[in-house]
Protein backbone atom coordinates (compact mmCIF):
# COMPACT_ATOMS: atom_id res chain seq x y z
CA ASP A 1 115.78 62.19 171.22
CA GLY A 2 116.36 65.87 170.42
CA TYR A 3 120.02 65.99 169.60
CA PHE A 4 121.48 67.29 166.26
CA PHE A 5 124.19 65.86 164.64
CA ILE A 6 126.20 66.74 161.49
CA PHE A 7 125.63 64.04 159.03
CA HIS A 8 124.95 64.32 155.21
CA ASP A 9 123.69 60.92 154.27
CA ASP A 10 120.29 59.28 155.22
CA THR A 11 122.25 56.26 156.69
CA ALA A 12 125.47 55.30 158.42
CA GLU A 13 126.22 52.70 155.45
CA ARG A 14 128.71 54.85 153.34
CA VAL A 15 130.73 56.19 156.31
CA ALA A 16 130.56 53.58 159.00
CA GLY A 17 129.14 50.50 157.11
CA VAL A 18 126.38 50.22 159.04
CA PRO A 19 122.66 50.64 157.57
CA LEU A 20 121.20 52.73 160.39
CA LYS A 21 118.87 55.25 159.30
CA VAL A 22 120.74 58.45 161.33
CA ASP A 23 117.39 60.50 162.07
CA ALA A 24 115.84 57.39 163.82
CA CYS A 25 118.65 56.71 165.94
CA SER A 26 119.36 57.84 169.49
CA TRP A 27 122.29 60.09 170.78
CA GLN A 28 123.99 56.89 172.23
CA THR A 29 123.86 54.99 169.16
CA LEU A 30 125.29 57.47 167.05
CA LYS A 31 127.90 58.44 169.54
CA GLU A 32 129.16 54.75 169.63
CA LEU A 33 129.52 54.48 165.75
CA THR A 34 133.07 54.87 164.57
CA LEU A 35 133.70 56.15 160.91
CA PHE A 36 135.93 54.74 158.18
CA ASN A 37 139.16 56.82 157.58
CA MET A 38 139.94 58.05 154.18
CA GLN A 39 141.52 54.67 153.33
CA GLY A 40 138.09 52.77 154.24
CA GLU A 41 139.38 51.35 157.42
CA LYS A 42 138.10 51.88 160.98
CA ASP A 43 141.37 52.36 162.65
CA ARG A 44 140.95 55.56 164.65
CA GLN A 45 138.37 55.75 167.78
CA ASP A 46 138.27 59.54 167.26
CA LEU A 47 136.16 59.54 163.94
CA LYS A 48 132.86 60.18 165.31
CA ILE A 49 129.75 61.86 164.06
CA PRO A 50 129.97 65.11 165.61
CA LEU A 51 127.00 66.87 167.53
CA LEU A 52 126.15 70.45 166.39
CA GLN A 53 127.82 71.80 169.34
CA GLU A 54 131.01 69.96 168.59
CA TYR A 55 130.74 71.23 164.99
CA ILE A 56 130.26 74.88 165.76
CA SER A 57 133.00 74.73 168.42
CA ILE A 58 135.54 73.40 165.81
CA CYS A 59 134.36 76.12 163.51
CA LYS A 60 134.76 78.92 166.20
CA THR A 61 138.12 77.37 167.16
CA TYR A 62 139.60 77.76 163.55
CA ASP A 63 137.68 81.14 162.75
CA LYS A 64 135.55 79.27 160.03
CA ILE A 65 132.22 79.99 158.55
CA ALA A 66 129.67 76.97 159.80
CA VAL A 67 127.60 75.96 156.85
CA LEU A 68 124.51 73.87 158.04
CA GLU A 69 122.42 72.27 155.61
CA LEU A 70 119.18 71.63 157.18
CA LYS A 71 118.14 68.33 155.63
CA THR A 72 114.60 67.74 156.77
CA ASP A 73 111.44 70.02 157.11
CA PHE A 74 112.53 71.47 160.48
CA SER A 75 109.71 73.18 162.75
CA ARG A 76 109.88 76.53 164.07
CA GLU A 77 110.60 74.81 167.30
CA ASP A 78 113.64 72.92 166.05
CA ILE A 79 115.08 75.86 164.17
CA ASP A 80 115.02 77.63 167.72
CA LYS A 81 116.74 74.92 169.21
CA ILE A 82 119.21 74.92 166.62
CA VAL A 83 119.59 78.56 166.87
CA GLY A 84 119.90 78.41 170.50
CA ILE A 85 122.88 76.10 170.35
CA ILE A 86 124.73 78.17 168.01
CA ASN A 87 123.93 81.33 170.14
CA GLN A 88 125.60 79.31 173.19
CA TYR A 89 128.84 79.65 171.17
CA ASP A 90 128.17 83.46 169.99
CA TYR A 91 128.52 81.92 166.38
CA LEU A 92 125.01 82.93 164.61
CA GLU A 93 126.84 85.84 162.61
CA ASN A 94 129.28 83.34 161.22
CA THR A 95 126.81 80.51 160.33
CA ILE A 96 125.18 80.07 156.94
CA PHE A 97 121.85 77.80 156.54
CA ILE A 98 121.29 75.97 153.64
CA SER A 99 118.38 73.82 152.32
CA PHE A 100 116.53 72.34 149.63
CA HIS A 101 113.26 73.05 151.93
CA LEU A 102 112.06 76.87 151.26
CA ASN A 103 109.79 76.81 153.97
CA VAL A 104 112.57 76.01 156.34
CA LEU A 105 114.56 79.03 155.14
CA THR A 106 111.46 81.16 155.19
CA ARG A 107 110.83 79.91 158.81
CA ILE A 108 114.50 81.00 159.77
CA LYS A 109 114.07 84.43 158.06
CA GLU A 110 110.65 85.21 159.91
CA LYS A 111 112.42 85.10 163.18
CA TYR A 112 115.83 85.95 162.37
CA PRO A 113 115.64 88.32 159.24
CA ASN A 114 119.27 89.23 159.00
CA GLN A 115 120.56 85.62 159.02
CA LYS A 116 122.62 84.41 156.09
CA CYS A 117 120.42 81.52 154.18
CA GLN A 118 121.04 80.21 150.97
CA TYR A 119 118.60 77.91 148.95
CA LEU A 120 119.52 74.86 147.37
CA VAL A 121 118.78 74.26 143.83
CA GLY A 122 119.55 72.32 140.94
CA GLU A 123 118.78 74.86 138.22
CA PHE A 124 118.52 78.69 137.65
CA THR A 125 115.52 80.33 136.52
CA ASP A 126 113.96 83.76 136.26
CA GLU A 127 111.39 82.65 138.76
CA LEU A 128 113.83 81.28 141.24
CA LEU A 129 115.48 84.97 141.00
CA LYS A 130 112.07 86.44 142.05
CA THR A 131 111.71 83.88 144.96
CA LEU A 132 115.40 84.92 146.30
CA ILE A 133 114.79 88.42 145.92
CA ASN A 134 111.26 88.21 147.85
CA TYR A 135 112.69 86.04 150.76
CA HIS A 136 116.05 87.72 150.85
CA LEU A 137 117.87 84.60 150.25
CA ASP A 138 121.07 83.94 148.74
CA ILE A 139 121.61 80.64 146.59
CA ASP A 140 123.60 77.38 146.34
CA ILE A 141 123.34 75.86 143.50
CA TYR A 142 124.54 72.92 141.30
CA TYR A 143 127.49 74.18 139.53
CA PRO A 144 126.74 73.15 135.88
CA ALA A 145 123.53 75.15 136.15
CA LEU A 146 125.47 78.36 136.50
CA THR A 147 126.44 80.57 133.73
CA LYS A 148 128.34 83.91 133.74
CA GLU A 149 124.99 85.72 132.98
CA ALA A 150 123.06 84.00 136.01
CA VAL A 151 125.90 85.14 138.22
CA GLU A 152 125.71 88.57 137.08
CA LYS A 153 121.92 88.45 137.38
CA LEU A 154 122.30 87.25 140.89
CA HIS A 155 124.86 89.80 141.81
CA LYS A 156 122.64 92.53 140.30
CA ALA A 157 120.00 91.57 142.60
CA ASN A 158 122.62 91.63 145.64
CA ILE A 159 122.47 87.97 145.89
CA LYS A 160 125.56 85.73 146.82
CA VAL A 161 126.37 82.55 144.86
CA ASN A 162 127.41 79.49 146.34
CA CYS A 163 127.84 76.39 143.97
CA TRP A 164 128.29 72.58 144.81
CA THR A 165 130.23 70.36 144.40
CA VAL A 166 133.14 71.44 142.49
CA ASP A 167 135.88 68.79 142.42
CA SER A 168 137.85 69.77 139.36
CA LYS A 169 140.10 72.68 139.17
CA GLU A 170 139.06 73.42 135.64
CA ASP A 171 135.69 74.03 136.80
CA ALA A 172 136.44 75.82 139.97
CA ASN A 173 138.62 78.41 137.65
CA ARG A 174 135.50 78.82 135.10
CA LEU A 175 133.40 79.44 138.19
CA ILE A 176 135.88 81.87 139.65
CA SER A 177 136.11 83.60 136.63
CA TYR A 178 132.14 84.10 136.48
CA GLY A 179 132.69 85.61 139.99
CA VAL A 180 130.99 83.26 142.41
CA ASP A 181 131.24 83.93 145.88
CA LEU A 182 131.72 80.72 147.32
CA ILE A 183 132.66 77.12 146.09
CA THR A 184 131.75 73.91 147.92
CA THR A 185 134.28 71.16 147.14
CA ASN A 186 135.79 67.92 148.21
CA ILE A 187 139.15 68.73 147.00
CA LEU A 188 140.77 71.79 148.74
CA GLU A 189 143.78 71.81 146.58
């Protein structure tokens, strides 16, 4: 129904215990769902799936970079709507778009050439490096695929390196020693 929600999975099963396919639900259906807390209980009515507007507002309030993964093959029209929502908060320059869909990122870059975009990938190749350079994209790569040499090649090409999902301190320290720019993690400690 035209609303954009911040949600990782295809269904609400893991976080709400309900097998609803999120992109097939209405705004009203999703807003009524209560999510599990960290202990797997539904004891807080404030744990809800946020709208894009709510997420951007939170990021702006706490002066945090908004990282938005565009999980589907969004049209130019939908991208313009998403950018329009972010612009309502004057927060586009503090937003990074990430996606496994190269065509989504190139659509963003066509209209917003200075927008920060990171191509989500599982491995590093020299062909990928050429693609990143050609489309002026940064990278968000599965961390086991990174080597110090790969980070050096990417930085030499003026490409920022993000890596996902690093949940061990040892891996994080190794990646920091490689010089990565950003680390995606579930464990802030």
